[in-house]
Amino acid sequence: MRKTPLVKGSFYHIFNRGVNKGDVFFSEADYKRFLDAALHYKENNSKFSLRDKNSSPTISDPVSKKQGEAKVQVLAYCLMSNHFHFLVKQLTDSGITEYFRRLANGYSHYINIKYKRVGPLFQGRFKSVFVETDEQLIHLSRYIHLNPVVSHSVSDPMLYRWSSYRAYLVEGIDSLTDSVEQILGHFKSRKDYGQFVLDQVDYGNELEKIKHLALEN
């Protein structure tokens, strides 16, 4: 049981990383598998399988078969090689817990079978941070979208395929993020949000350097 229960109607920053800080994504197919499953489990309790591609939603397909009440809204996400970040709103009691449990367990099972490995893939349960204000919500979305830049994976977050950043700048290209207006509503345009993110690239890089120095001490 969690010490602090996750509250219906509230926003949370959800994150987790690989066991022993190891990778959890090993190929492009793995990233896509995780995102397809993330879309599926939002409103489905059935097991996600790639065997039946016609009945399984894909991240690029805005139409999926719904089998239940949506558990969460996804405002932003980013998948990195050894961890992930999500910014979500809980829509049902225990929605976040159920959603990420199914997602992590299903994906771990897929990885273990695919790569003939055993044991846990993720480092325990996911971590959660309660989002208290709109300002915190907006800045968290920027932090999440800057992850690929501060880790030097790309120079521009628009070039990174495994985050929701492009969905903020181009409407209708990502069906997983169904609540971008919660954040875009604070900006005059999508372009203004993009500039808001890019304005902090240098600052984000400096924070990354400081973090590494702190970890080495």
N, C-alpha and C. Protein backbone atom coordinates (compact mmCIF):
# COMPACT_ATOMS: atom_id res chain seq x y z
N MET A 1 0.84 -1.19 0.00
CA MET A 1 0.00 0.00 0.00
C MET A 1 0.87 1.25 0.00
N ARG A 2 0.42 2.26 -0.74
CA ARG A 2 1.14 3.52 -0.77
C ARG A 2 0.84 4.34 0.49
N LYS A 3 1.86 5.02 1.00
CA LYS A 3 1.68 5.84 2.19
C LYS A 3 0.68 6.96 1.93
N THR A 4 0.75 7.56 0.73
CA THR A 4 -0.18 8.62 0.36
C THR A 4 -1.04 8.14 -0.81
N PRO A 5 -2.34 7.97 -0.61
CA PRO A 5 -3.19 7.46 -1.69
C PRO A 5 -3.26 8.44 -2.86
N LEU A 6 -3.41 7.90 -4.07
CA LEU A 6 -3.57 8.72 -5.26
C LEU A 6 -5.04 9.11 -5.37
N VAL A 7 -5.30 10.39 -5.54
CA VAL A 7 -6.66 10.94 -5.44
C VAL A 7 -7.29 11.10 -6.82
N LYS A 8 -8.50 10.64 -6.95
CA LYS A 8 -9.28 10.81 -8.18
C LYS A 8 -9.43 12.29 -8.51
N GLY A 9 -9.20 12.65 -9.77
CA GLY A 9 -9.33 14.03 -10.21
C GLY A 9 -8.06 14.86 -10.07
N SER A 10 -7.01 14.27 -9.51
CA SER A 10 -5.75 14.99 -9.30
C SER A 10 -4.71 14.59 -10.35
N PHE A 11 -3.70 15.46 -10.48
CA PHE A 11 -2.62 15.26 -11.45
C PHE A 11 -1.37 14.75 -10.75
N TYR A 12 -0.62 13.87 -11.44
CA TYR A 12 0.58 13.29 -10.86
C TYR A 12 1.68 13.14 -11.91
N HIS A 13 2.90 13.32 -11.46
CA HIS A 13 4.08 12.98 -12.26
C HIS A 13 4.45 11.55 -11.87
N ILE A 14 4.38 10.64 -12.83
CA ILE A 14 4.67 9.23 -12.61
C ILE A 14 5.97 8.87 -13.32
N PHE A 15 6.86 8.18 -12.63
CA PHE A 15 8.12 7.81 -13.27
C PHE A 15 8.66 6.52 -12.65
N ASN A 16 9.48 5.84 -13.44
CA ASN A 16 10.15 4.64 -12.96
C ASN A 16 11.34 4.37 -13.88
N ARG A 17 12.29 3.56 -13.39
CA ARG A 17 13.46 3.25 -14.20
C ARG A 17 13.77 1.76 -14.09
N GLY A 18 14.69 1.32 -14.92
CA GLY A 18 15.05 -0.08 -14.95
C GLY A 18 15.77 -0.52 -13.69
N VAL A 19 15.64 -1.79 -13.36
CA VAL A 19 16.31 -2.33 -12.19
C VAL A 19 17.82 -2.14 -12.34
N ASN A 20 18.47 -1.74 -11.26
CA ASN A 20 19.90 -1.42 -11.27
C ASN A 20 20.27 -0.36 -12.30
N LYS A 21 19.29 0.52 -12.61
CA LYS A 21 19.47 1.60 -13.58
C LYS A 21 19.73 1.09 -14.99
N GLY A 22 19.38 -0.17 -15.24
CA GLY A 22 19.59 -0.76 -16.55
C GLY A 22 18.52 -0.35 -17.55
N ASP A 23 18.77 -0.62 -18.82
CA ASP A 23 17.83 -0.27 -19.88
C ASP A 23 16.54 -1.07 -19.76
N VAL A 24 15.46 -0.45 -20.22
CA VAL A 24 14.18 -1.13 -20.33
C VAL A 24 13.68 -1.15 -21.77
N PHE A 25 14.30 -0.34 -22.62
CA PHE A 25 13.99 -0.32 -24.05
C PHE A 25 15.27 -0.66 -24.81
N PHE A 26 15.19 -1.65 -25.68
CA PHE A 26 16.38 -2.14 -26.36
C PHE A 26 16.32 -2.00 -27.87
N SER A 27 15.16 -1.61 -28.40
CA SER A 27 15.00 -1.43 -29.84
C SER A 27 13.81 -0.50 -30.09
N GLU A 28 13.69 -0.02 -31.31
CA GLU A 28 12.54 0.82 -31.66
C GLU A 28 11.23 0.06 -31.47
N ALA A 29 11.25 -1.22 -31.76
CA ALA A 29 10.05 -2.04 -31.58
C ALA A 29 9.60 -2.07 -30.12
N ASP A 30 10.55 -2.02 -29.20
CA ASP A 30 10.22 -2.04 -27.78
C ASP A 30 9.52 -0.74 -27.36
N TYR A 31 10.05 0.39 -27.83
CA TYR A 31 9.41 1.67 -27.53
C TYR A 31 7.97 1.67 -28.05
N LYS A 32 7.81 1.22 -29.28
CA LYS A 32 6.47 1.23 -29.89
C LYS A 32 5.54 0.27 -29.15
N ARG A 33 6.07 -0.89 -28.77
CA ARG A 33 5.25 -1.85 -28.02
C ARG A 33 4.73 -1.21 -26.73
N PHE A 34 5.59 -0.52 -26.00
CA PHE A 34 5.21 0.11 -24.74
C PHE A 34 4.12 1.15 -24.97
N LEU A 35 4.27 1.98 -26.01
CA LEU A 35 3.29 3.03 -26.28
C LEU A 35 1.97 2.44 -26.75
N ASP A 36 2.02 1.41 -27.57
CA ASP A 36 0.78 0.74 -27.99
C ASP A 36 0.04 0.16 -26.79
N ALA A 37 0.80 -0.46 -25.87
CA ALA A 37 0.19 -1.02 -24.66
C ALA A 37 -0.36 0.09 -23.77
N ALA A 38 0.37 1.21 -23.69
CA ALA A 38 -0.09 2.35 -22.88
C ALA A 38 -1.42 2.87 -23.38
N LEU A 39 -1.59 2.90 -24.69
CA LEU A 39 -2.87 3.32 -25.27
C LEU A 39 -3.96 2.29 -24.98
N HIS A 40 -3.64 1.04 -25.14
CA HIS A 40 -4.61 -0.04 -24.93
C HIS A 40 -5.16 -0.04 -23.50
N TYR A 41 -4.28 0.04 -22.51
CA TYR A 41 -4.68 -0.13 -21.12
C TYR A 41 -5.42 1.08 -20.54
N LYS A 42 -5.44 2.18 -21.25
CA LYS A 42 -6.18 3.34 -20.73
C LYS A 42 -7.65 3.02 -20.53
N GLU A 43 -8.22 2.22 -21.45
CA GLU A 43 -9.65 1.95 -21.38
C GLU A 43 -9.98 0.48 -21.56
N ASN A 44 -8.97 -0.38 -21.44
CA ASN A 44 -9.20 -1.81 -21.63
C ASN A 44 -8.59 -2.60 -20.48
N ASN A 45 -9.32 -3.60 -20.02
CA ASN A 45 -8.81 -4.49 -18.98
C ASN A 45 -8.27 -5.78 -19.57
N SER A 46 -8.53 -5.99 -20.86
CA SER A 46 -8.08 -7.22 -21.50
C SER A 46 -6.58 -7.19 -21.72
N LYS A 47 -6.00 -8.37 -21.82
CA LYS A 47 -4.57 -8.50 -22.05
C LYS A 47 -4.21 -7.93 -23.42
N PHE A 48 -3.12 -7.19 -23.48
CA PHE A 48 -2.68 -6.62 -24.75
C PHE A 48 -1.78 -7.62 -25.47
N SER A 49 -2.08 -7.87 -26.74
CA SER A 49 -1.30 -8.83 -27.52
C SER A 49 -1.07 -8.29 -28.91
N LEU A 50 0.13 -8.47 -29.43
CA LEU A 50 0.43 -8.06 -30.79
C LEU A 50 0.01 -9.11 -31.81
N ARG A 51 -0.47 -10.25 -31.35
CA ARG A 51 -0.84 -11.30 -32.29
C ARG A 51 -2.04 -10.90 -33.14
N ASP A 52 -2.96 -10.16 -32.53
CA ASP A 52 -4.15 -9.72 -33.25
C ASP A 52 -4.03 -8.23 -33.50
N LYS A 53 -3.34 -7.85 -34.53
CA LYS A 53 -3.06 -6.44 -34.80
C LYS A 53 -4.33 -5.67 -35.18
N ASN A 54 -5.33 -6.39 -35.71
CA ASN A 54 -6.54 -5.71 -36.14
C ASN A 54 -7.38 -5.23 -34.96
N SER A 55 -7.25 -5.88 -33.81
CA SER A 55 -8.06 -5.50 -32.65
C SER A 55 -7.26 -4.72 -31.61
N SER A 56 -5.96 -4.57 -31.85
CA SER A 56 -5.12 -3.84 -30.91
C SER A 56 -4.87 -2.43 -31.42
N PRO A 57 -5.08 -1.41 -30.59
CA PRO A 57 -4.85 -0.04 -31.04
C PRO A 57 -3.36 0.21 -31.23
N THR A 58 -3.05 1.18 -32.04
CA THR A 58 -1.67 1.60 -32.21
C THR A 58 -1.56 3.06 -31.89
N ILE A 59 -0.36 3.49 -31.60
CA ILE A 59 -0.14 4.86 -31.16
C ILE A 59 -0.49 5.87 -32.24
N SER A 60 -0.48 5.46 -33.50
CA SER A 60 -0.78 6.37 -34.60
C SER A 60 -2.24 6.30 -35.03
N ASP A 61 -3.01 5.40 -34.41
CA ASP A 61 -4.41 5.20 -34.77
C ASP A 61 -5.31 5.84 -33.72
N PRO A 62 -6.02 6.94 -34.07
CA PRO A 62 -6.84 7.62 -33.07
C PRO A 62 -8.10 6.87 -32.69
N VAL A 63 -8.45 5.81 -33.40
CA VAL A 63 -9.65 5.05 -33.11
C VAL A 63 -9.28 3.71 -32.50
N SER A 64 -9.76 3.45 -31.29
CA SER A 64 -9.51 2.16 -30.65
C SER A 64 -10.80 1.63 -30.07
N LYS A 65 -10.86 0.32 -29.89
CA LYS A 65 -12.04 -0.28 -29.30
C LYS A 65 -12.02 -0.08 -27.80
N LYS A 66 -13.04 0.56 -27.26
CA LYS A 66 -13.08 0.84 -25.84
C LYS A 66 -13.91 -0.23 -25.13
N GLN A 67 -13.36 -0.76 -24.06
CA GLN A 67 -14.03 -1.81 -23.32
C GLN A 67 -14.31 -1.42 -21.88
N GLY A 68 -14.12 -0.18 -21.55
CA GLY A 68 -14.37 0.23 -20.17
C GLY A 68 -14.15 1.72 -20.00
N GLU A 69 -14.29 2.15 -18.76
CA GLU A 69 -14.12 3.55 -18.42
C GLU A 69 -12.64 3.91 -18.42
N ALA A 70 -12.30 5.08 -18.97
CA ALA A 70 -10.91 5.51 -18.98
C ALA A 70 -10.41 5.67 -17.55
N LYS A 71 -9.21 5.14 -17.28
CA LYS A 71 -8.64 5.19 -15.94
C LYS A 71 -7.83 6.46 -15.71
N VAL A 72 -7.18 6.92 -16.76
CA VAL A 72 -6.32 8.09 -16.65
C VAL A 72 -6.42 8.94 -17.91
N GLN A 73 -6.06 10.20 -17.77
CA GLN A 73 -5.78 11.05 -18.91
C GLN A 73 -4.26 11.24 -18.96
N VAL A 74 -3.69 11.15 -20.14
CA VAL A 74 -2.26 11.34 -20.32
C VAL A 74 -2.01 12.72 -20.91
N LEU A 75 -1.34 13.57 -20.13
CA LEU A 75 -1.04 14.92 -20.59
C LEU A 75 0.30 14.98 -21.30
N ALA A 76 1.27 14.22 -20.83
CA ALA A 76 2.60 14.23 -21.42
C ALA A 76 3.33 12.96 -21.03
N TYR A 77 4.31 12.58 -21.85
CA TYR A 77 5.13 11.41 -21.52
C TYR A 77 6.47 11.51 -22.24
N CYS A 78 7.42 10.74 -21.76
CA CYS A 78 8.70 10.59 -22.44
C CYS A 78 9.30 9.25 -22.04
N LEU A 79 9.72 8.49 -23.02
CA LEU A 79 10.38 7.22 -22.78
C LEU A 79 11.86 7.39 -23.09
N MET A 80 12.71 7.12 -22.11
CA MET A 80 14.14 7.12 -22.31
C MET A 80 14.64 5.67 -22.22
N SER A 81 15.88 5.44 -22.57
CA SER A 81 16.35 4.06 -22.67
C SER A 81 16.20 3.27 -21.37
N ASN A 82 16.38 3.94 -20.21
CA ASN A 82 16.32 3.21 -18.95
C ASN A 82 15.27 3.73 -17.97
N HIS A 83 14.38 4.60 -18.44
CA HIS A 83 13.32 5.09 -17.56
C HIS A 83 12.20 5.73 -18.38
N PHE A 84 11.09 6.03 -17.69
CA PHE A 84 9.99 6.74 -18.36
C PHE A 84 9.40 7.79 -17.42
N HIS A 85 8.76 8.79 -18.02
CA HIS A 85 8.03 9.83 -17.30
C HIS A 85 6.62 9.94 -17.90
N PHE A 86 5.64 10.09 -17.04
CA PHE A 86 4.27 10.37 -17.48
C PHE A 86 3.71 11.49 -16.61
N LEU A 87 2.91 12.35 -17.22
CA LEU A 87 2.13 13.34 -16.50
C LEU A 87 0.67 12.99 -16.74
N VAL A 88 -0.03 12.57 -15.67
CA VAL A 88 -1.38 12.03 -15.85
C VAL A 88 -2.35 12.60 -14.83
N LYS A 89 -3.62 12.47 -15.18
CA LYS A 89 -4.72 12.80 -14.27
C LYS A 89 -5.45 11.50 -13.97
N GLN A 90 -5.71 11.24 -12.69
CA GLN A 90 -6.45 10.03 -12.32
C GLN A 90 -7.95 10.28 -12.48
N LEU A 91 -8.62 9.42 -13.24
CA LEU A 91 -10.05 9.59 -13.53
C LEU A 91 -10.94 8.67 -12.70
N THR A 92 -10.40 7.55 -12.24
CA THR A 92 -11.18 6.61 -11.44
C THR A 92 -10.39 6.25 -10.18
N ASP A 93 -11.09 5.79 -9.16
CA ASP A 93 -10.40 5.36 -7.95
C ASP A 93 -9.40 4.25 -8.30
N SER A 94 -8.17 4.41 -7.84
CA SER A 94 -7.09 3.45 -8.10
C SER A 94 -6.73 3.35 -9.58
N GLY A 95 -7.16 4.34 -10.37
CA GLY A 95 -6.93 4.29 -11.81
C GLY A 95 -5.46 4.28 -12.19
N ILE A 96 -4.67 5.14 -11.56
CA ILE A 96 -3.25 5.22 -11.88
C ILE A 96 -2.54 3.93 -11.49
N THR A 97 -2.83 3.44 -10.30
CA THR A 97 -2.19 2.21 -9.83
C THR A 97 -2.49 1.04 -10.75
N GLU A 98 -3.76 0.88 -11.11
CA GLU A 98 -4.16 -0.22 -11.97
C GLU A 98 -3.54 -0.07 -13.37
N TYR A 99 -3.56 1.16 -13.87
CA TYR A 99 -3.05 1.41 -15.22
C TYR A 99 -1.56 1.08 -15.33
N PHE A 100 -0.76 1.61 -14.43
CA PHE A 100 0.68 1.40 -14.53
C PHE A 100 1.10 -0.01 -14.09
N ARG A 101 0.30 -0.64 -13.26
CA ARG A 101 0.57 -2.03 -12.91
C ARG A 101 0.41 -2.92 -14.13
N ARG A 102 -0.69 -2.75 -14.83
CA ARG A 102 -0.93 -3.55 -16.03
C ARG A 102 0.11 -3.25 -17.11
N LEU A 103 0.42 -1.99 -17.28
CA LEU A 103 1.39 -1.58 -18.30
C LEU A 103 2.77 -2.16 -18.00
N ALA A 104 3.24 -2.00 -16.77
CA ALA A 104 4.58 -2.48 -16.40
C ALA A 104 4.66 -4.00 -16.44
N ASN A 105 3.65 -4.67 -15.90
CA ASN A 105 3.67 -6.13 -15.87
C ASN A 105 3.61 -6.72 -17.28
N GLY A 106 2.73 -6.17 -18.10
CA GLY A 106 2.59 -6.67 -19.46
C GLY A 106 3.85 -6.44 -20.28
N TYR A 107 4.42 -5.25 -20.14
CA TYR A 107 5.63 -4.94 -20.91
C TYR A 107 6.81 -5.77 -20.42
N SER A 108 6.94 -5.95 -19.12
CA SER A 108 8.03 -6.77 -18.56
C SER A 108 7.95 -8.20 -19.07
N HIS A 109 6.72 -8.72 -19.12
CA HIS A 109 6.52 -10.08 -19.62
C HIS A 109 6.97 -10.18 -21.08
N TYR A 110 6.61 -9.18 -21.86
CA TYR A 110 7.00 -9.13 -23.28
C TYR A 110 8.52 -9.10 -23.44
N ILE A 111 9.20 -8.26 -22.65
CA ILE A 111 10.66 -8.14 -22.74
C ILE A 111 11.34 -9.44 -22.30
N ASN A 112 10.86 -10.03 -21.23
CA ASN A 112 11.47 -11.27 -20.74
C ASN A 112 11.36 -12.42 -21.75
N ILE A 113 10.23 -12.48 -22.42
CA ILE A 113 10.07 -13.52 -23.44
C ILE A 113 10.92 -13.20 -24.66
N LYS A 114 10.87 -11.96 -25.12
CA LYS A 114 11.59 -11.56 -26.33
C LYS A 114 13.09 -11.75 -26.21
N TYR A 115 13.64 -11.37 -25.05
CA TYR A 115 15.09 -11.41 -24.89
C TYR A 115 15.57 -12.57 -24.00
N LYS A 116 14.63 -13.47 -23.68
CA LYS A 116 14.96 -14.65 -22.89
C LYS A 116 15.67 -14.28 -21.58
N ARG A 117 15.09 -13.32 -20.89
CA ARG A 117 15.64 -12.89 -19.60
C ARG A 117 14.66 -13.29 -18.50
N VAL A 118 15.12 -13.21 -17.25
CA VAL A 118 14.27 -13.52 -16.10
C VAL A 118 14.41 -12.41 -15.07
N GLY A 119 13.43 -12.33 -14.18
CA GLY A 119 13.49 -11.34 -13.10
C GLY A 119 12.80 -10.05 -13.45
N PRO A 120 12.72 -9.14 -12.47
CA PRO A 120 12.04 -7.87 -12.67
C PRO A 120 12.77 -6.98 -13.68
N LEU A 121 12.00 -6.18 -14.41
CA LEU A 121 12.57 -5.23 -15.37
C LEU A 121 12.68 -3.84 -14.76
N PHE A 122 11.67 -3.45 -13.99
CA PHE A 122 11.64 -2.12 -13.39
C PHE A 122 12.08 -2.17 -11.92
N GLN A 123 12.53 -1.04 -11.43
CA GLN A 123 13.04 -0.93 -10.07
C GLN A 123 11.88 -0.70 -9.10
N GLY A 124 11.16 -1.75 -8.80
CA GLY A 124 10.05 -1.66 -7.87
C GLY A 124 8.84 -0.96 -8.46
N ARG A 125 7.99 -0.47 -7.57
CA ARG A 125 6.79 0.23 -8.00
C ARG A 125 7.16 1.59 -8.58
N PHE A 126 6.25 2.10 -9.41
CA PHE A 126 6.46 3.44 -9.96
C PHE A 126 6.45 4.49 -8.85
N LYS A 127 7.12 5.59 -9.08
CA LYS A 127 7.14 6.72 -8.15
C LYS A 127 6.10 7.75 -8.59
N SER A 128 5.55 8.46 -7.65
CA SER A 128 4.53 9.46 -7.99
C SER A 128 4.76 10.75 -7.21
N VAL A 129 4.53 11.87 -7.87
CA VAL A 129 4.61 13.19 -7.24
C VAL A 129 3.30 13.92 -7.53
N PHE A 130 2.63 14.35 -6.48
CA PHE A 130 1.38 15.08 -6.61
C PHE A 130 1.63 16.47 -7.18
N VAL A 131 0.86 16.85 -8.19
CA VAL A 131 0.99 18.17 -8.81
C VAL A 131 0.00 19.12 -8.14
N GLU A 132 0.52 20.12 -7.47
CA GLU A 132 -0.33 20.98 -6.63
C GLU A 132 -0.90 22.19 -7.35
N THR A 133 -0.21 22.72 -8.36
CA THR A 133 -0.65 23.96 -9.00
C THR A 133 -0.56 23.85 -10.53
N ASP A 134 -1.25 24.76 -11.21
CA ASP A 134 -1.16 24.82 -12.67
C ASP A 134 0.26 25.14 -13.11
N GLU A 135 0.93 26.01 -12.37
CA GLU A 135 2.30 26.36 -12.71
C GLU A 135 3.20 25.13 -12.66
N GLN A 136 3.04 24.32 -11.63
CA GLN A 136 3.82 23.09 -11.52
C GLN A 136 3.50 22.15 -12.66
N LEU A 137 2.24 22.07 -13.05
CA LEU A 137 1.82 21.21 -14.14
C LEU A 137 2.51 21.60 -15.44
N ILE A 138 2.53 22.88 -15.72
CA ILE A 138 3.14 23.38 -16.95
C ILE A 138 4.64 23.13 -16.97
N HIS A 139 5.30 23.41 -15.86
CA HIS A 139 6.76 23.23 -15.81
C HIS A 139 7.15 21.75 -15.84
N LEU A 140 6.31 20.90 -15.29
CA LEU A 140 6.58 19.46 -15.35
C LEU A 140 6.51 18.96 -16.79
N SER A 141 5.56 19.49 -17.56
CA SER A 141 5.47 19.08 -18.96
C SER A 141 6.74 19.48 -19.70
N ARG A 142 7.27 20.65 -19.40
CA ARG A 142 8.52 21.08 -20.04
C ARG A 142 9.68 20.20 -19.60
N TYR A 143 9.75 19.90 -18.32
CA TYR A 143 10.81 19.03 -17.81
C TYR A 143 10.79 17.67 -18.51
N ILE A 144 9.59 17.12 -18.66
CA ILE A 144 9.45 15.82 -19.31
C ILE A 144 9.89 15.89 -20.77
N HIS A 145 9.48 16.94 -21.46
CA HIS A 145 9.80 17.05 -22.88
C HIS A 145 11.27 17.39 -23.13
N LEU A 146 11.96 17.93 -22.13
CA LEU A 146 13.38 18.26 -22.30
C LEU A 146 14.31 17.08 -21.97
N ASN A 147 13.76 16.01 -21.44
CA ASN A 147 14.59 14.86 -21.07
C ASN A 147 15.53 14.39 -22.18
N PRO A 148 15.05 14.23 -23.41
CA PRO A 148 15.95 13.75 -24.47
C PRO A 148 17.06 14.74 -24.81
N VAL A 149 16.83 16.03 -24.55
CA VAL A 149 17.83 17.05 -24.85
C VAL A 149 18.92 17.09 -23.79
N VAL A 150 18.51 17.10 -22.53
CA VAL A 150 19.51 17.18 -21.46
C VAL A 150 20.32 15.90 -21.33
N SER A 151 19.78 14.80 -21.86
CA SER A 151 20.55 13.55 -21.87
C SER A 151 21.39 13.43 -23.13
N HIS A 152 21.33 14.46 -23.99
CA HIS A 152 22.11 14.53 -25.23
C HIS A 152 21.71 13.47 -26.24
N SER A 153 20.46 13.00 -26.16
CA SER A 153 19.96 12.08 -27.17
C SER A 153 19.66 12.82 -28.48
N VAL A 154 19.14 14.05 -28.35
CA VAL A 154 18.85 14.90 -29.50
C VAL A 154 19.15 16.35 -29.12
N SER A 155 19.28 17.20 -30.13
CA SER A 155 19.51 18.62 -29.87
C SER A 155 18.21 19.41 -29.81
N ASP A 156 17.15 18.83 -30.35
CA ASP A 156 15.83 19.49 -30.41
C ASP A 156 14.80 18.44 -30.03
N PRO A 157 13.93 18.71 -29.04
CA PRO A 157 12.94 17.71 -28.61
C PRO A 157 11.99 17.29 -29.73
N MET A 158 11.85 18.13 -30.76
CA MET A 158 10.99 17.79 -31.89
C MET A 158 11.54 16.59 -32.67
N LEU A 159 12.83 16.32 -32.52
CA LEU A 159 13.46 15.22 -33.24
C LEU A 159 13.31 13.88 -32.52
N TYR A 160 12.80 13.92 -31.30
CA TYR A 160 12.72 12.69 -30.50
C TYR A 160 11.36 12.03 -30.71
N ARG A 161 11.35 10.78 -31.09
CA ARG A 161 10.12 10.08 -31.46
C ARG A 161 9.32 9.58 -30.26
N TRP A 162 9.98 9.40 -29.11
CA TRP A 162 9.34 8.66 -28.03
C TRP A 162 8.88 9.57 -26.90
N SER A 163 8.37 10.73 -27.24
CA SER A 163 7.77 11.64 -26.26
C SER A 163 6.54 12.29 -26.88
N SER A 164 5.80 12.98 -26.06
CA SER A 164 4.57 13.63 -26.52
C SER A 164 4.81 15.05 -27.03
N TYR A 165 6.06 15.49 -27.08
CA TYR A 165 6.34 16.89 -27.45
C TYR A 165 5.76 17.25 -28.82
N ARG A 166 5.90 16.38 -29.79
CA ARG A 166 5.41 16.69 -31.13
C ARG A 166 3.89 16.82 -31.15
N ALA A 167 3.20 16.12 -30.25
CA ALA A 167 1.74 16.23 -30.18
C ALA A 167 1.32 17.62 -29.70
N TYR A 168 2.21 18.31 -29.01
CA TYR A 168 1.91 19.67 -28.55
C TYR A 168 2.06 20.69 -29.68
N LEU A 169 2.91 20.38 -30.63
CA LEU A 169 3.15 21.32 -31.72
C LEU A 169 2.33 21.02 -32.97
N VAL A 170 1.96 19.74 -33.14
CA VAL A 170 1.19 19.32 -34.31
C VAL A 170 -0.04 18.56 -33.84
N GLU A 171 -1.21 19.07 -34.14
CA GLU A 171 -2.45 18.48 -33.65
C GLU A 171 -2.73 17.14 -34.31
N GLY A 172 -3.19 16.18 -33.50
CA GLY A 172 -3.71 14.93 -34.02
C GLY A 172 -2.71 13.88 -34.42
N ILE A 173 -1.45 13.98 -33.98
CA ILE A 173 -0.47 12.98 -34.41
C ILE A 173 -0.20 11.93 -33.33
N ASP A 174 -0.83 12.05 -32.18
CA ASP A 174 -0.56 11.11 -31.10
C ASP A 174 -1.84 10.89 -30.31
N SER A 175 -2.41 9.69 -30.39
CA SER A 175 -3.68 9.42 -29.73
C SER A 175 -3.54 9.07 -28.26
N LEU A 176 -2.33 8.88 -27.77
CA LEU A 176 -2.14 8.58 -26.36
C LEU A 176 -2.34 9.82 -25.50
N THR A 177 -1.82 10.95 -25.96
CA THR A 177 -1.97 12.21 -25.21
C THR A 177 -3.31 12.85 -25.59
N ASP A 178 -4.30 12.65 -24.75
CA ASP A 178 -5.65 13.11 -25.05
C ASP A 178 -6.03 14.39 -24.30
N SER A 179 -5.07 14.97 -23.57
CA SER A 179 -5.42 16.11 -22.73
C SER A 179 -4.39 17.24 -22.82
N VAL A 180 -3.80 17.41 -23.99
CA VAL A 180 -2.77 18.46 -24.13
C VAL A 180 -3.34 19.85 -23.89
N GLU A 181 -4.65 20.02 -24.10
CA GLU A 181 -5.25 21.34 -23.91
C GLU A 181 -5.20 21.80 -22.46
N GLN A 182 -5.05 20.87 -21.53
CA GLN A 182 -4.90 21.23 -20.12
C GLN A 182 -3.70 22.14 -19.94
N ILE A 183 -2.69 21.94 -20.77
CA ILE A 183 -1.46 22.74 -20.69
C ILE A 183 -1.42 23.80 -21.78
N LEU A 184 -1.81 23.44 -23.00
CA LEU A 184 -1.78 24.41 -24.10
C LEU A 184 -2.74 25.57 -23.85
N GLY A 185 -3.76 25.35 -23.03
CA GLY A 185 -4.70 26.42 -22.72
C GLY A 185 -4.07 27.61 -22.02
N HIS A 186 -2.88 27.43 -21.47
CA HIS A 186 -2.17 28.51 -20.80
C HIS A 186 -1.29 29.31 -21.77
N PHE A 187 -1.31 28.93 -23.05
CA PHE A 187 -0.48 29.60 -24.05
C PHE A 187 -1.35 30.11 -25.20
N LYS A 188 -0.87 31.12 -25.88
CA LYS A 188 -1.63 31.70 -26.99
C LYS A 188 -1.67 30.76 -28.19
N SER A 189 -0.63 29.95 -28.36
CA SER A 189 -0.57 29.06 -29.51
C SER A 189 0.35 27.89 -29.20
N ARG A 190 0.30 26.88 -30.06
CA ARG A 190 1.22 25.75 -29.94
C ARG A 190 2.67 26.21 -30.10
N LYS A 191 2.87 27.17 -30.98
CA LYS A 191 4.22 27.70 -31.20
C LYS A 191 4.76 28.34 -29.94
N ASP A 192 3.91 29.04 -29.19
CA ASP A 192 4.34 29.67 -27.94
C ASP A 192 4.76 28.62 -26.91
N TYR A 193 4.03 27.51 -26.88
CA TYR A 193 4.43 26.44 -25.95
C TYR A 193 5.79 25.88 -26.35
N GLY A 194 5.99 25.67 -27.65
CA GLY A 194 7.27 25.17 -28.12
C GLY A 194 8.41 26.09 -27.73
N GLN A 195 8.19 27.40 -27.82
CA GLN A 195 9.22 28.36 -27.42
C GLN A 195 9.46 28.32 -25.92
N PHE A 196 8.39 28.12 -25.17
CA PHE A 196 8.48 27.99 -23.71
C PHE A 196 9.41 26.84 -23.34
N VAL A 197 9.29 25.73 -24.05
CA VAL A 197 10.15 24.58 -23.79
C VAL A 197 11.59 24.88 -24.22
N LEU A 198 11.76 25.39 -25.42
CA LEU A 198 13.11 25.62 -25.96
C LEU A 198 13.88 26.68 -25.19
N ASP A 199 13.17 27.62 -24.59
CA ASP A 199 13.84 28.68 -23.82
C ASP A 199 14.62 28.13 -22.64
N GLN A 200 14.30 26.91 -22.22
CA GLN A 200 14.95 26.35 -21.04
C GLN A 200 15.94 25.23 -21.37
N VAL A 201 16.27 25.06 -22.65
CA VAL A 201 17.19 24.00 -23.03
C VAL A 201 18.55 24.19 -22.37
N ASP A 202 19.12 25.39 -22.45
CA ASP A 202 20.44 25.63 -21.85
C ASP A 202 20.40 25.45 -20.34
N TYR A 203 19.32 25.93 -19.72
CA TYR A 203 19.18 25.79 -18.28
C TYR A 203 19.07 24.31 -17.89
N GLY A 204 18.32 23.55 -18.70
CA GLY A 204 18.19 22.12 -18.43
C GLY A 204 19.52 21.40 -18.55
N ASN A 205 20.33 21.80 -19.51
CA ASN A 205 21.65 21.19 -19.65
C ASN A 205 22.54 21.48 -18.45
N GLU A 206 22.45 22.69 -17.93
CA GLU A 206 23.25 23.06 -16.76
C GLU A 206 22.81 22.25 -15.53
N LEU A 207 21.50 22.07 -15.38
CA LEU A 207 20.99 21.28 -14.26
C LEU A 207 21.48 19.84 -14.35
N GLU A 208 21.55 19.30 -15.57
CA GLU A 208 22.02 17.94 -15.76
C GLU A 208 23.48 17.81 -15.33
N LYS A 209 24.29 18.81 -15.65
CA LYS A 209 25.70 18.79 -15.25
C LYS A 209 25.83 18.80 -13.72
N ILE A 210 25.03 19.65 -13.09
CA ILE A 210 25.08 19.76 -11.63
C ILE A 210 24.65 18.44 -10.99
N LYS A 211 23.62 17.81 -11.57
CA LYS A 211 23.14 16.53 -11.02
C LYS A 211 24.23 15.47 -11.08
N HIS A 212 24.94 15.42 -12.19
CA HIS A 212 26.02 14.43 -12.32
C HIS A 212 27.13 14.69 -11.31
N LEU A 213 27.44 15.97 -11.08
CA LEU A 213 28.48 16.29 -10.10
C LEU A 213 28.06 15.85 -8.71
N ALA A 214 26.79 16.07 -8.40
CA ALA A 214 26.27 15.70 -7.09
C ALA A 214 26.31 14.18 -6.88
N LEU A 215 26.00 13.45 -7.96
CA LEU A 215 25.99 11.99 -7.86
C LEU A 215 27.39 11.41 -7.67
N GLU A 216 28.40 12.14 -8.18
CA GLU A 216 29.76 11.64 -8.08
C GLU A 216 30.36 11.88 -6.70
N ASN A 217 29.79 12.82 -5.96
CA ASN A 217 30.33 13.14 -4.62
C ASN A 217 29.83 12.14 -3.58
